[in-house]
Amino acid sequence: MNNSSTSTAQSVTEHSGLVAVLTDLQRQGWRASELWDGEAWGPIHASWSADEIAKHAAETDLAKLRFLSESPAGHEGVMLLVWGNSPIELIADITMANGFSEAVELAQRSVWPNYPEEE
């Protein structure tokens, strides 16, 4: 067992894992555009950092984030977040079309190299 990777995985929280995933998705050309707060979709302001988006998403137990692709433009993806599980299980469901699921999996592997397995 590699103790350094285990301790790294254990230090990732739901919040820090989501921030890392959001940052990686942005790098891949997927921009978070809207947040479902349990009652309605609201805009994610362009000035919000990944940390701010994660904080707003944490305000409800079942949050959804809508993403728009920048290249090619116009594709959409949705991510369902369920707080309170292990950090690797925070993202409970995603849109499987237009390359979004592949982008999310790649982003998750940047945080958890053995995703979908916990360390």
PDB file of N, CA and C in Angstrom:
ATOM      1  N   MET A   1       0.848  -1.186   0.000  1.00  0.00           N
ATOM      2  CA  MET A   1       0.000   0.000   0.000  1.00  0.00           C
ATOM      3  C   MET A   1       0.885   1.238   0.000  1.00  0.00           C
ATOM      4  N   ASN A   2       0.568   2.161  -0.829  1.00  0.00           N
ATOM      5  CA  ASN A   2       1.325   3.399  -0.920  1.00  0.00           C
ATOM      6  C   ASN A   2       0.746   4.399   0.079  1.00  0.00           C
ATOM      7  N   ASN A   3       1.465   4.645   1.157  1.00  0.00           N
ATOM      8  CA  ASN A   3       0.960   5.522   2.214  1.00  0.00           C
ATOM      9  C   ASN A   3       0.795   6.961   1.770  1.00  0.00           C
ATOM     10  N   SER A   4       1.641   7.446   0.866  1.00  0.00           N
ATOM     11  CA  SER A   4       1.510   8.840   0.439  1.00  0.00           C
ATOM     12  C   SER A   4       0.236   9.052  -0.366  1.00  0.00           C
ATOM     13  N   SER A   5      -0.128   8.115  -1.251  1.00  0.00           N
ATOM     14  CA  SER A   5      -1.367   8.292  -2.008  1.00  0.00           C
ATOM     15  C   SER A   5      -2.578   8.103  -1.104  1.00  0.00           C
ATOM     16  N   THR A   6      -2.476   7.210  -0.134  1.00  0.00           N
ATOM     17  CA  THR A   6      -3.582   7.003   0.791  1.00  0.00           C
ATOM     18  C   THR A   6      -3.814   8.243   1.629  1.00  0.00           C
ATOM     19  N   SER A   7      -2.763   8.834   2.156  1.00  0.00           N
ATOM     20  CA  SER A   7      -2.945  10.029   2.985  1.00  0.00           C
ATOM     21  C   SER A   7      -3.437  11.198   2.135  1.00  0.00           C
ATOM     22  N   THR A   8      -3.025  11.282   0.882  1.00  0.00           N
ATOM     23  CA  THR A   8      -3.528  12.332   0.003  1.00  0.00           C
ATOM     24  C   THR A   8      -5.017  12.148  -0.237  1.00  0.00           C
ATOM     25  N   ALA A   9      -5.432  10.924  -0.522  1.00  0.00           N
ATOM     26  CA  ALA A   9      -6.845  10.657  -0.774  1.00  0.00           C
ATOM     27  C   ALA A   9      -7.674  10.951   0.463  1.00  0.00           C
ATOM     28  N   GLN A  10      -7.165  10.622   1.632  1.00  0.00           N
ATOM     29  CA  GLN A  10      -7.912  10.843   2.860  1.00  0.00           C
ATOM     30  C   GLN A  10      -8.026  12.323   3.192  1.00  0.00           C
ATOM     31  N   SER A  11      -7.102  13.145   2.713  1.00  0.00           N
ATOM     32  CA  SER A  11      -7.145  14.568   3.017  1.00  0.00           C
ATOM     33  C   SER A  11      -8.105  15.333   2.101  1.00  0.00           C
ATOM     34  N   VAL A  12      -8.607  14.690   1.043  1.00  0.00           N
ATOM     35  CA  VAL A  12      -9.550  15.332   0.135  1.00  0.00           C
ATOM     36  C   VAL A  12     -10.933  15.316   0.785  1.00  0.00           C
ATOM     37  N   THR A  13     -11.527  16.485   0.924  1.00  0.00           N
ATOM     38  CA  THR A  13     -12.876  16.601   1.466  1.00  0.00           C
ATOM     39  C   THR A  13     -13.857  16.721   0.309  1.00  0.00           C
ATOM     40  N   GLU A  14     -15.149  16.678   0.615  1.00  0.00           N
ATOM     41  CA  GLU A  14     -16.139  16.900  -0.443  1.00  0.00           C
ATOM     42  C   GLU A  14     -15.890  18.256  -1.102  1.00  0.00           C
ATOM     43  N   HIS A  15     -15.660  19.267  -0.283  1.00  0.00           N
ATOM     44  CA  HIS A  15     -15.471  20.620  -0.820  1.00  0.00           C
ATOM     45  C   HIS A  15     -14.208  20.699  -1.682  1.00  0.00           C
ATOM     46  N   SER A  16     -13.074  20.260  -1.146  1.00  0.00           N
ATOM     47  CA  SER A  16     -11.825  20.388  -1.908  1.00  0.00           C
ATOM     48  C   SER A  16     -11.843  19.506  -3.159  1.00  0.00           C
ATOM     49  N   GLY A  17     -12.482  18.338  -3.065  1.00  0.00           N
ATOM     50  CA  GLY A  17     -12.598  17.482  -4.244  1.00  0.00           C
ATOM     51  C   GLY A  17     -13.434  18.137  -5.316  1.00  0.00           C
ATOM     52  N   LEU A  18     -14.569  18.742  -4.917  1.00  0.00           N
ATOM     53  CA  LEU A  18     -15.421  19.418  -5.894  1.00  0.00           C
ATOM     54  C   LEU A  18     -14.705  20.609  -6.511  1.00  0.00           C
ATOM     55  N   VAL A  19     -13.979  21.375  -5.715  1.00  0.00           N
ATOM     56  CA  VAL A  19     -13.223  22.517  -6.247  1.00  0.00           C
ATOM     57  C   VAL A  19     -12.222  22.029  -7.297  1.00  0.00           C
ATOM     58  N   ALA A  20     -11.514  20.945  -6.997  1.00  0.00           N
ATOM     59  CA  ALA A  20     -10.537  20.410  -7.949  1.00  0.00           C
ATOM     60  C   ALA A  20     -11.220  19.920  -9.232  1.00  0.00           C
ATOM     61  N   VAL A  21     -12.371  19.246  -9.093  1.00  0.00           N
ATOM     62  CA  VAL A  21     -13.108  18.774 -10.270  1.00  0.00           C
ATOM     63  C   VAL A  21     -13.598  19.963 -11.097  1.00  0.00           C
ATOM     64  N   LEU A  22     -14.167  20.975 -10.452  1.00  0.00           N
ATOM     65  CA  LEU A  22     -14.645  22.159 -11.171  1.00  0.00           C
ATOM     66  C   LEU A  22     -13.506  22.858 -11.902  1.00  0.00           C
ATOM     67  N   THR A  23     -12.370  22.966 -11.252  1.00  0.00           N
ATOM     68  CA  THR A  23     -11.202  23.610 -11.869  1.00  0.00           C
ATOM     69  C   THR A  23     -10.740  22.832 -13.093  1.00  0.00           C
ATOM     70  N   ASP A  24     -10.715  21.501 -12.979  1.00  0.00           N
ATOM     71  CA  ASP A  24     -10.293  20.679 -14.105  1.00  0.00           C
ATOM     72  C   ASP A  24     -11.305  20.741 -15.245  1.00  0.00           C
ATOM     73  N   LEU A  25     -12.600  20.737 -14.916  1.00  0.00           N
ATOM     74  CA  LEU A  25     -13.615  20.866 -15.968  1.00  0.00           C
ATOM     75  C   LEU A  25     -13.471  22.186 -16.708  1.00  0.00           C
ATOM     76  N   GLN A  26     -13.193  23.261 -15.980  1.00  0.00           N
ATOM     77  CA  GLN A  26     -12.973  24.569 -16.613  1.00  0.00           C
ATOM     78  C   GLN A  26     -11.780  24.486 -17.569  1.00  0.00           C
ATOM     79  N   ARG A  27     -10.725  23.824 -17.126  1.00  0.00           N
ATOM     80  CA  ARG A  27      -9.535  23.660 -17.973  1.00  0.00           C
ATOM     81  C   ARG A  27      -9.878  22.893 -19.247  1.00  0.00           C
ATOM     82  N   GLN A  28     -10.822  21.949 -19.135  1.00  0.00           N
ATOM     83  CA  GLN A  28     -11.244  21.145 -20.287  1.00  0.00           C
ATOM     84  C   GLN A  28     -12.276  21.863 -21.166  1.00  0.00           C
ATOM     85  N   GLY A  29     -12.702  23.056 -20.770  1.00  0.00           N
ATOM     86  CA  GLY A  29     -13.645  23.809 -21.594  1.00  0.00           C
ATOM     87  C   GLY A  29     -15.101  23.672 -21.183  1.00  0.00           C
ATOM     88  N   TRP A  30     -15.365  23.191 -19.965  1.00  0.00           N
ATOM     89  CA  TRP A  30     -16.730  23.090 -19.443  1.00  0.00           C
ATOM     90  C   TRP A  30     -16.895  24.118 -18.334  1.00  0.00           C
ATOM     91  N   ARG A  31     -17.794  25.068 -18.543  1.00  0.00           N
ATOM     92  CA  ARG A  31     -18.014  26.162 -17.593  1.00  0.00           C
ATOM     93  C   ARG A  31     -19.328  25.952 -16.854  1.00  0.00           C
ATOM     94  N   ALA A  32     -19.272  25.986 -15.515  1.00  0.00           N
ATOM     95  CA  ALA A  32     -20.490  25.896 -14.708  1.00  0.00           C
ATOM     96  C   ALA A  32     -21.310  27.163 -14.956  1.00  0.00           C
ATOM     97  N   SER A  33     -22.577  26.984 -15.366  1.00  0.00           N
ATOM     98  CA  SER A  33     -23.383  28.144 -15.749  1.00  0.00           C
ATOM     99  C   SER A  33     -24.594  28.373 -14.848  1.00  0.00           C
ATOM    100  N   GLU A  34     -25.133  27.288 -14.252  1.00  0.00           N
ATOM    101  CA  GLU A  34     -26.317  27.438 -13.407  1.00  0.00           C
ATOM    102  C   GLU A  34     -26.260  26.450 -12.247  1.00  0.00           C
ATOM    103  N   LEU A  35     -26.929  26.833 -11.164  1.00  0.00           N
ATOM    104  CA  LEU A  35     -27.010  26.005  -9.966  1.00  0.00           C
ATOM    105  C   LEU A  35     -28.470  25.801  -9.595  1.00  0.00           C
ATOM    106  N   TRP A  36     -28.869  24.530  -9.430  1.00  0.00           N
ATOM    107  CA  TRP A  36     -30.209  24.181  -8.944  1.00  0.00           C
ATOM    108  C   TRP A  36     -30.106  24.089  -7.436  1.00  0.00           C
ATOM    109  N   ASP A  37     -30.863  24.907  -6.738  1.00  0.00           N
ATOM    110  CA  ASP A  37     -30.773  24.953  -5.281  1.00  0.00           C
ATOM    111  C   ASP A  37     -31.855  24.131  -4.595  1.00  0.00           C
ATOM    112  N   GLY A  38     -32.526  23.282  -5.343  1.00  0.00           N
ATOM    113  CA  GLY A  38     -33.606  22.481  -4.794  1.00  0.00           C
ATOM    114  C   GLY A  38     -34.970  23.038  -5.145  1.00  0.00           C
ATOM    115  N   GLU A  39     -35.009  24.286  -5.595  1.00  0.00           N
ATOM    116  CA  GLU A  39     -36.272  24.928  -5.962  1.00  0.00           C
ATOM    117  C   GLU A  39     -36.253  25.547  -7.347  1.00  0.00           C
ATOM    118  N   ALA A  40     -35.107  26.080  -7.743  1.00  0.00           N
ATOM    119  CA  ALA A  40     -35.034  26.775  -9.037  1.00  0.00           C
ATOM    120  C   ALA A  40     -33.586  26.833  -9.512  1.00  0.00           C
ATOM    121  N   TRP A  41     -33.434  27.005 -10.824  1.00  0.00           N
ATOM    122  CA  TRP A  41     -32.108  27.233 -11.403  1.00  0.00           C
ATOM    123  C   TRP A  41     -31.745  28.701 -11.201  1.00  0.00           C
ATOM    124  N   GLY A  42     -30.516  28.951 -10.794  1.00  0.00           N
ATOM    125  CA  GLY A  42     -30.009  30.312 -10.660  1.00  0.00           C
ATOM    126  C   GLY A  42     -28.680  30.415 -11.378  1.00  0.00           C
ATOM    127  N   PRO A  43     -28.346  31.603 -11.856  1.00  0.00           N
ATOM    128  CA  PRO A  43     -27.098  31.756 -12.613  1.00  0.00           C
ATOM    129  C   PRO A  43     -25.862  31.643 -11.713  1.00  0.00           C
ATOM    130  N   ILE A  44     -24.816  31.100 -12.284  1.00  0.00           N
ATOM    131  CA  ILE A  44     -23.500  31.125 -11.648  1.00  0.00           C
ATOM    132  C   ILE A  44     -22.766  32.292 -12.290  1.00  0.00           C
ATOM    133  N   HIS A  45     -22.402  33.231 -11.486  1.00  0.00           N
ATOM    134  CA  HIS A  45     -21.766  34.443 -11.995  1.00  0.00           C
ATOM    135  C   HIS A  45     -20.363  34.136 -12.517  1.00  0.00           C
ATOM    136  N   ALA A  46     -20.009  34.750 -13.605  1.00  0.00           N
ATOM    137  CA  ALA A  46     -18.715  34.515 -14.231  1.00  0.00           C
ATOM    138  C   ALA A  46     -17.562  34.851 -13.291  1.00  0.00           C
ATOM    139  N   SER A  47     -17.802  35.731 -12.339  1.00  0.00           N
ATOM    140  CA  SER A  47     -16.746  36.134 -11.405  1.00  0.00           C
ATOM    141  C   SER A  47     -16.536  35.118 -10.274  1.00  0.00           C
ATOM    142  N   TRP A  48     -17.457  34.145 -10.124  1.00  0.00           N
ATOM    143  CA  TRP A  48     -17.313  33.165  -9.043  1.00  0.00           C
ATOM    144  C   TRP A  48     -16.150  32.216  -9.320  1.00  0.00           C
ATOM    145  N   SER A  49     -15.361  31.975  -8.306  1.00  0.00           N
ATOM    146  CA  SER A  49     -14.289  30.981  -8.398  1.00  0.00           C
ATOM    147  C   SER A  49     -14.884  29.597  -8.186  1.00  0.00           C
ATOM    148  N   ALA A  50     -14.099  28.570  -8.448  1.00  0.00           N
ATOM    149  CA  ALA A  50     -14.548  27.199  -8.187  1.00  0.00           C
ATOM    150  C   ALA A  50     -14.891  27.029  -6.707  1.00  0.00           C
ATOM    151  N   ASP A  51     -14.147  27.677  -5.842  1.00  0.00           N
ATOM    152  CA  ASP A  51     -14.411  27.620  -4.404  1.00  0.00           C
ATOM    153  C   ASP A  51     -15.779  28.227  -4.074  1.00  0.00           C
ATOM    154  N   GLU A  52     -16.092  29.358  -4.677  1.00  0.00           N
ATOM    155  CA  GLU A  52     -17.393  29.999  -4.434  1.00  0.00           C
ATOM    156  C   GLU A  52     -18.546  29.144  -4.973  1.00  0.00           C
ATOM    157  N   ILE A  53     -18.351  28.545  -6.136  1.00  0.00           N
ATOM    158  CA  ILE A  53     -19.387  27.676  -6.701  1.00  0.00           C
ATOM    159  C   ILE A  53     -19.638  26.507  -5.750  1.00  0.00           C
ATOM    160  N   ALA A  54     -18.566  25.894  -5.251  1.00  0.00           N
ATOM    161  CA  ALA A  54     -18.698  24.764  -4.326  1.00  0.00           C
ATOM    162  C   ALA A  54     -19.414  25.186  -3.044  1.00  0.00           C
ATOM    163  N   LYS A  55     -19.106  26.368  -2.535  1.00  0.00           N
ATOM    164  CA  LYS A  55     -19.776  26.860  -1.318  1.00  0.00           C
ATOM    165  C   LYS A  55     -21.274  27.049  -1.558  1.00  0.00           C
ATOM    166  N   HIS A  56     -21.646  27.623  -2.674  1.00  0.00           N
ATOM    167  CA  HIS A  56     -23.065  27.815  -2.988  1.00  0.00           C
ATOM    168  C   HIS A  56     -23.756  26.465  -3.190  1.00  0.00           C
ATOM    169  N   ALA A  57     -23.086  25.527  -3.848  1.00  0.00           N
ATOM    170  CA  ALA A  57     -23.669  24.209  -4.082  1.00  0.00           C
ATOM    171  C   ALA A  57     -23.878  23.453  -2.771  1.00  0.00           C
ATOM    172  N   ALA A  58     -23.046  23.713  -1.781  1.00  0.00           N
ATOM    173  CA  ALA A  58     -23.140  23.020  -0.493  1.00  0.00           C
ATOM    174  C   ALA A  58     -24.302  23.516   0.360  1.00  0.00           C
ATOM    175  N   GLU A  59     -24.983  24.555  -0.082  1.00  0.00           N
ATOM    176  CA  GLU A  59     -26.087  25.110   0.697  1.00  0.00           C
ATOM    177  C   GLU A  59     -27.349  24.256   0.620  1.00  0.00           C
ATOM    178  N   THR A  60     -27.368  23.244  -0.225  1.00  0.00           N
ATOM    179  CA  THR A  60     -28.495  22.312  -0.313  1.00  0.00           C
ATOM    180  C   THR A  60     -27.962  20.886  -0.400  1.00  0.00           C
ATOM    181  N   ASP A  61     -28.713  19.945   0.150  1.00  0.00           N
ATOM    182  CA  ASP A  61     -28.256  18.549   0.175  1.00  0.00           C
ATOM    183  C   ASP A  61     -28.183  17.927  -1.210  1.00  0.00           C
ATOM    184  N   LEU A  62     -29.126  18.283  -2.081  1.00  0.00           N
ATOM    185  CA  LEU A  62     -29.155  17.767  -3.445  1.00  0.00           C
ATOM    186  C   LEU A  62     -29.060  18.942  -4.409  1.00  0.00           C
ATOM    187  N   ALA A  63     -27.859  19.265  -4.798  1.00  0.00           N
ATOM    188  CA  ALA A  63     -27.645  20.376  -5.721  1.00  0.00           C
ATOM    189  C   ALA A  63     -27.360  19.831  -7.112  1.00  0.00           C
ATOM    190  N   LYS A  64     -27.704  20.615  -8.112  1.00  0.00           N
ATOM    191  CA  LYS A  64     -27.343  20.284  -9.487  1.00  0.00           C
ATOM    192  C   LYS A  64     -26.558  21.454 -10.054  1.00  0.00           C
ATOM    193  N   LEU A  65     -25.548  21.141 -10.832  1.00  0.00           N
ATOM    194  CA  LEU A  65     -24.783  22.152 -11.558  1.00  0.00           C
ATOM    195  C   LEU A  65     -24.962  21.901 -13.042  1.00  0.00           C
ATOM    196  N   ARG A  66     -25.280  22.953 -13.773  1.00  0.00           N
ATOM    197  CA  ARG A  66     -25.386  22.858 -15.237  1.00  0.00           C
ATOM    198  C   ARG A  66     -24.113  23.457 -15.824  1.00  0.00           C
ATOM    199  N   PHE A  67     -23.568  22.764 -16.801  1.00  0.00           N
ATOM    200  CA  PHE A  67     -22.334  23.189 -17.459  1.00  0.00           C
ATOM    201  C   PHE A  67     -22.592  23.413 -18.939  1.00  0.00           C
ATOM    202  N   LEU A  68     -21.879  24.359 -19.509  1.00  0.00           N
ATOM    203  CA  LEU A  68     -21.891  24.600 -20.947  1.00  0.00           C
ATOM    204  C   LEU A  68     -20.488  24.386 -21.485  1.00  0.00           C
ATOM    205  N   SER A  69     -20.413  23.750 -22.643  1.00  0.00           N
ATOM    206  CA  SER A  69     -19.097  23.547 -23.251  1.00  0.00           C
ATOM    207  C   SER A  69     -18.720  24.799 -24.031  1.00  0.00           C
ATOM    208  N   GLU A  70     -17.435  25.090 -23.976  1.00  0.00           N
ATOM    209  CA  GLU A  70     -16.930  26.251 -24.714  1.00  0.00           C
ATOM    210  C   GLU A  70     -16.411  25.846 -26.089  1.00  0.00           C
ATOM    211  N   SER A  71     -16.020  24.572 -26.241  1.00  0.00           N
ATOM    212  CA  SER A  71     -15.519  24.089 -27.523  1.00  0.00           C
ATOM    213  C   SER A  71     -15.794  22.601 -27.628  1.00  0.00           C
ATOM    214  N   PRO A  72     -16.718  22.146 -28.445  1.00  0.00           N
ATOM    215  CA  PRO A  72     -17.583  22.994 -29.264  1.00  0.00           C
ATOM    216  C   PRO A  72     -18.643  23.669 -28.395  1.00  0.00           C
ATOM    217  N   ALA A  73     -18.990  24.849 -28.785  1.00  0.00           N
ATOM    218  CA  ALA A  73     -19.964  25.625 -28.018  1.00  0.00           C
ATOM    219  C   ALA A  73     -21.349  25.007 -28.112  1.00  0.00           C
ATOM    220  N   GLY A  74     -22.127  25.188 -27.054  1.00  0.00           N
ATOM    221  CA  GLY A  74     -23.519  24.788 -27.094  1.00  0.00           C
ATOM    222  C   GLY A  74     -23.867  23.467 -26.456  1.00  0.00           C
ATOM    223  N   HIS A  75     -22.881  22.619 -26.173  1.00  0.00           N
ATOM    224  CA  HIS A  75     -23.190  21.365 -25.496  1.00  0.00           C
ATOM    225  C   HIS A  75     -23.423  21.642 -24.019  1.00  0.00           C
ATOM    226  N   GLU A  76     -24.268  20.813 -23.408  1.00  0.00           N
ATOM    227  CA  GLU A  76     -24.654  21.013 -22.023  1.00  0.00           C
ATOM    228  C   GLU A  76     -24.464  19.725 -21.242  1.00  0.00           C
ATOM    229  N   GLY A  77     -24.123  19.863 -19.981  1.00  0.00           N
ATOM    230  CA  GLY A  77     -24.027  18.725 -19.079  1.00  0.00           C
ATOM    231  C   GLY A  77     -24.564  19.128 -17.720  1.00  0.00           C
ATOM    232  N   VAL A  78     -25.089  18.148 -16.979  1.00  0.00           N
ATOM    233  CA  VAL A  78     -25.616  18.402 -15.645  1.00  0.00           C
ATOM    234  C   VAL A  78     -24.992  17.405 -14.689  1.00  0.00           C
ATOM    235  N   MET A  79     -24.657  17.891 -13.503  1.00  0.00           N
ATOM    236  CA  MET A  79     -24.040  17.085 -12.459  1.00  0.00           C
ATOM    237  C   MET A  79     -24.913  17.169 -11.209  1.00  0.00           C
ATOM    238  N   LEU A  80     -25.286  16.019 -10.647  1.00  0.00           N
ATOM    239  CA  LEU A  80     -26.043  15.961  -9.401  1.00  0.00           C
ATOM    240  C   LEU A  80     -25.072  15.716  -8.258  1.00  0.00           C
ATOM    241  N   LEU A  81     -25.144  16.570  -7.233  1.00  0.00           N
ATOM    242  CA  LEU A  81     -24.282  16.447  -6.059  1.00  0.00           C
ATOM    243  C   LEU A  81     -25.120  16.009  -4.866  1.00  0.00           C
ATOM    244  N   VAL A  82     -24.668  14.964  -4.186  1.00  0.00           N
ATOM    245  CA  VAL A  82     -25.331  14.503  -2.971  1.00  0.00           C
ATOM    246  C   VAL A  82     -24.307  14.593  -1.851  1.00  0.00           C
ATOM    247  N   TRP A  83     -24.494  15.559  -0.976  1.00  0.00           N
ATOM    248  CA  TRP A  83     -23.561  15.811   0.124  1.00  0.00           C
ATOM    249  C   TRP A  83     -23.765  14.797   1.244  1.00  0.00           C
ATOM    250  N   GLY A  84     -22.694  14.485   1.936  1.00  0.00           N
ATOM    251  CA  GLY A  84     -22.777  13.641   3.111  1.00  0.00           C
ATOM    252  C   GLY A  84     -22.261  12.233   2.912  1.00  0.00           C
ATOM    253  N   ASN A  85     -21.915  11.860   1.706  1.00  0.00           N
ATOM    254  CA  ASN A  85     -21.284  10.566   1.447  1.00  0.00           C
ATOM    255  C   ASN A  85     -19.777  10.764   1.516  1.00  0.00           C
ATOM    256  N   SER A  86     -19.030   9.789   1.070  1.00  0.00           N
ATOM    257  CA  SER A  86     -17.583   9.996   0.985  1.00  0.00           C
ATOM    258  C   SER A  86     -17.324  10.997  -0.148  1.00  0.00           C
ATOM    259  N   PRO A  87     -16.216  11.723  -0.080  1.00  0.00           N
ATOM    260  CA  PRO A  87     -15.934  12.719  -1.118  1.00  0.00           C
ATOM    261  C   PRO A  87     -15.959  12.169  -2.541  1.00  0.00           C
ATOM    262  N   ILE A  88     -15.500  10.946  -2.727  1.00  0.00           N
ATOM    263  CA  ILE A  88     -15.453  10.366  -4.076  1.00  0.00           C
ATOM    264  C   ILE A  88     -16.858  10.068  -4.603  1.00  0.00           C
ATOM    265  N   GLU A  89     -17.856  10.007  -3.702  1.00  0.00           N
ATOM    266  CA  GLU A  89     -19.243   9.727  -4.092  1.00  0.00           C
ATOM    267  C   GLU A  89     -20.091  10.984  -4.168  1.00  0.00           C
ATOM    268  N   LEU A  90     -19.508  12.161  -3.987  1.00  0.00           N
ATOM    269  CA  LEU A  90     -20.260  13.416  -4.022  1.00  0.00           C
ATOM    270  C   LEU A  90     -21.019  13.582  -5.338  1.00  0.00           C
ATOM    271  N   ILE A  91     -20.350  13.315  -6.449  1.00  0.00           N
ATOM    272  CA  ILE A  91     -20.996  13.437  -7.757  1.00  0.00           C
ATOM    273  C   ILE A  91     -21.783  12.150  -7.981  1.00  0.00           C
ATOM    274  N   ALA A  92     -23.110  12.252  -7.803  1.00  0.00           N
ATOM    275  CA  ALA A  92     -23.965  11.071  -7.816  1.00  0.00           C
ATOM    276  C   ALA A  92     -24.472  10.712  -9.206  1.00  0.00           C
ATOM    277  N   ASP A  93     -24.562  11.691 -10.099  1.00  0.00           N
ATOM    278  CA  ASP A  93     -25.084  11.432 -11.432  1.00  0.00           C
ATOM    279  C   ASP A  93     -24.604  12.545 -12.357  1.00  0.00           C
ATOM    280  N   ILE A  94     -24.438  12.200 -13.624  1.00  0.00           N
ATOM    281  CA  ILE A  94     -24.002  13.177 -14.620  1.00  0.00           C
ATOM    282  C   ILE A  94     -24.675  12.891 -15.949  1.00  0.00           C
ATOM    283  N   THR A  95     -24.737  13.909 -16.803  1.00  0.00           N
ATOM    284  CA  THR A  95     -25.191  13.744 -18.178  1.00  0.00           C
ATOM    285  C   THR A  95     -24.149  12.924 -18.916  1.00  0.00           C
ATOM    286  N   MET A  96     -24.623  11.937 -19.645  1.00  0.00           N
ATOM    287  CA  MET A  96     -23.715  11.011 -20.322  1.00  0.00           C
ATOM    288  C   MET A  96     -23.403  11.419 -21.776  1.00  0.00           C
ATOM    289  N   ALA A  97     -23.982  12.507 -22.270  1.00  0.00           N
ATOM    290  CA  ALA A  97     -23.854  12.882 -23.682  1.00  0.00           C
ATOM    291  C   ALA A  97     -22.810  13.978 -23.904  1.00  0.00           C
ATOM    292  N   ASN A  98     -22.435  14.133 -25.153  1.00  0.00           N
ATOM    293  CA  ASN A  98     -21.603  15.238 -25.633  1.00  0.00           C
ATOM    294  C   ASN A  98     -20.224  15.314 -24.986  1.00  0.00           C
ATOM    295  N   GLY A  99     -19.726  14.193 -24.508  1.00  0.00           N
ATOM    296  CA  GLY A  99     -18.391  14.160 -23.927  1.00  0.00           C
ATOM    297  C   GLY A  99     -18.322  14.644 -22.486  1.00  0.00           C
ATOM    298  N   PHE A 100     -19.472  14.977 -21.893  1.00  0.00           N
ATOM    299  CA  PHE A 100     -19.453  15.488 -20.528  1.00  0.00           C
ATOM    300  C   PHE A 100     -19.044  14.412 -19.531  1.00  0.00           C
ATOM    301  N   SER A 101     -19.568  13.208 -19.671  1.00  0.00           N
ATOM    302  CA  SER A 101     -19.223  12.151 -18.711  1.00  0.00           C
ATOM    303  C   SER A 101     -17.727  11.837 -18.758  1.00  0.00           C
ATOM    304  N   GLU A 102     -17.145  11.844 -19.946  1.00  0.00           N
ATOM    305  CA  GLU A 102     -15.704  11.610 -20.075  1.00  0.00           C
ATOM    306  C   GLU A 102     -14.905  12.731 -19.414  1.00  0.00           C
ATOM    307  N   ALA A 103     -15.364  13.965 -19.580  1.00  0.00           N
ATOM    308  CA  ALA A 103     -14.675  15.103 -18.964  1.00  0.00           C
ATOM    309  C   ALA A 103     -14.739  15.023 -17.446  1.00  0.00           C
ATOM    310  N   VAL A 104     -15.911  14.639 -16.911  1.00  0.00           N
ATOM    311  CA  VAL A 104     -16.057  14.527 -15.457  1.00  0.00           C
ATOM    312  C   VAL A 104     -15.178  13.396 -14.927  1.00  0.00           C
ATOM    313  N   GLU A 105     -15.169  12.258 -15.622  1.00  0.00           N
ATOM    314  CA  GLU A 105     -14.327  11.150 -15.167  1.00  0.00           C
ATOM    315  C   GLU A 105     -12.854  11.537 -15.185  1.00  0.00           C
ATOM    316  N   LEU A 106     -12.425  12.225 -16.217  1.00  0.00           N
ATOM    317  CA  LEU A 106     -11.037  12.688 -16.287  1.00  0.00           C
ATOM    318  C   LEU A 106     -10.738  13.639 -15.129  1.00  0.00           C
ATOM    319  N   ALA A 107     -11.665  14.541 -14.829  1.00  0.00           N
ATOM    320  CA  ALA A 107     -11.482  15.477 -13.719  1.00  0.00           C
ATOM    321  C   ALA A 107     -11.423  14.732 -12.385  1.00  0.00           C
ATOM    322  N   GLN A 108     -12.283  13.730 -12.214  1.00  0.00           N
ATOM    323  CA  GLN A 108     -12.259  12.954 -10.973  1.00  0.00           C
ATOM    324  C   GLN A 108     -10.950  12.191 -10.833  1.00  0.00           C
ATOM    325  N   ARG A 109     -10.421  11.686 -11.927  1.00  0.00           N
ATOM    326  CA  ARG A 109      -9.137  10.969 -11.872  1.00  0.00           C
ATOM    327  C   ARG A 109      -7.988  11.921 -11.530  1.00  0.00           C
ATOM    328  N   SER A 110      -8.154  13.224 -11.807  1.00  0.00           N
ATOM    329  CA  SER A 110      -7.116  14.179 -11.419  1.00  0.00           C
ATOM    330  C   SER A 110      -7.076  14.354  -9.901  1.00  0.00           C
ATOM    331  N   VAL A 111      -8.204  14.057  -9.237  1.00  0.00           N
ATOM    332  CA  VAL A 111      -8.282  14.154  -7.779  1.00  0.00           C
ATOM    333  C   VAL A 111      -8.025  12.794  -7.141  1.00  0.00           C
ATOM    334  N   TRP A 112      -8.663  11.766  -7.685  1.00  0.00           N
ATOM    335  CA  TRP A 112      -8.557  10.392  -7.178  1.00  0.00           C
ATOM    336  C   TRP A 112      -8.015   9.528  -8.308  1.00  0.00           C
ATOM    337  N   PRO A 113      -6.696   9.299  -8.372  1.00  0.00           N
ATOM    338  CA  PRO A 113      -6.099   8.577  -9.499  1.00  0.00           C
ATOM    339  C   PRO A 113      -6.711   7.210  -9.777  1.00  0.00           C
ATOM    340  N   ASN A 114      -7.267   6.538  -8.775  1.00  0.00           N
ATOM    341  CA  ASN A 114      -7.848   5.215  -8.977  1.00  0.00           C
ATOM    342  C   ASN A 114      -9.361   5.263  -9.119  1.00  0.00           C
ATOM    343  N   TYR A 115      -9.940   6.464  -9.375  1.00  0.00           N
ATOM    344  CA  TYR A 115     -11.390   6.585  -9.510  1.00  0.00           C
ATOM    345  C   TYR A 115     -11.890   5.529 -10.488  1.00  0.00           C
ATOM    346  N   PRO A 116     -12.941   4.808 -10.224  1.00  0.00           N
ATOM    347  CA  PRO A 116     -13.988   5.035  -9.215  1.00  0.00           C
ATOM    348  C   PRO A 116     -13.740   4.351  -7.870  1.00  0.00           C
ATOM    349  N   GLU A 117     -12.600   3.711  -7.731  1.00  0.00           N
ATOM    350  CA  GLU A 117     -12.286   3.039  -6.462  1.00  0.00           C
ATOM    351  C   GLU A 117     -11.713   4.045  -5.470  1.00  0.00           C
ATOM    352  N   GLU A 118     -12.150   3.935  -4.222  1.00  0.00           N
ATOM    353  CA  GLU A 118     -11.531   4.735  -3.176  1.00  0.00           C
ATOM    354  C   GLU A 118     -10.177   4.124  -2.893  1.00  0.00           C
ATOM    355  N   GLU A 119      -9.273   4.928  -2.449  1.00  0.00           N
ATOM    356  CA  GLU A 119      -7.907   4.465  -2.159  1.00  0.00           C
ATOM    357  C   GLU A 119      -7.909   3.416  -1.080  1.00  0.00           C
TER     358      GLU A 119
END
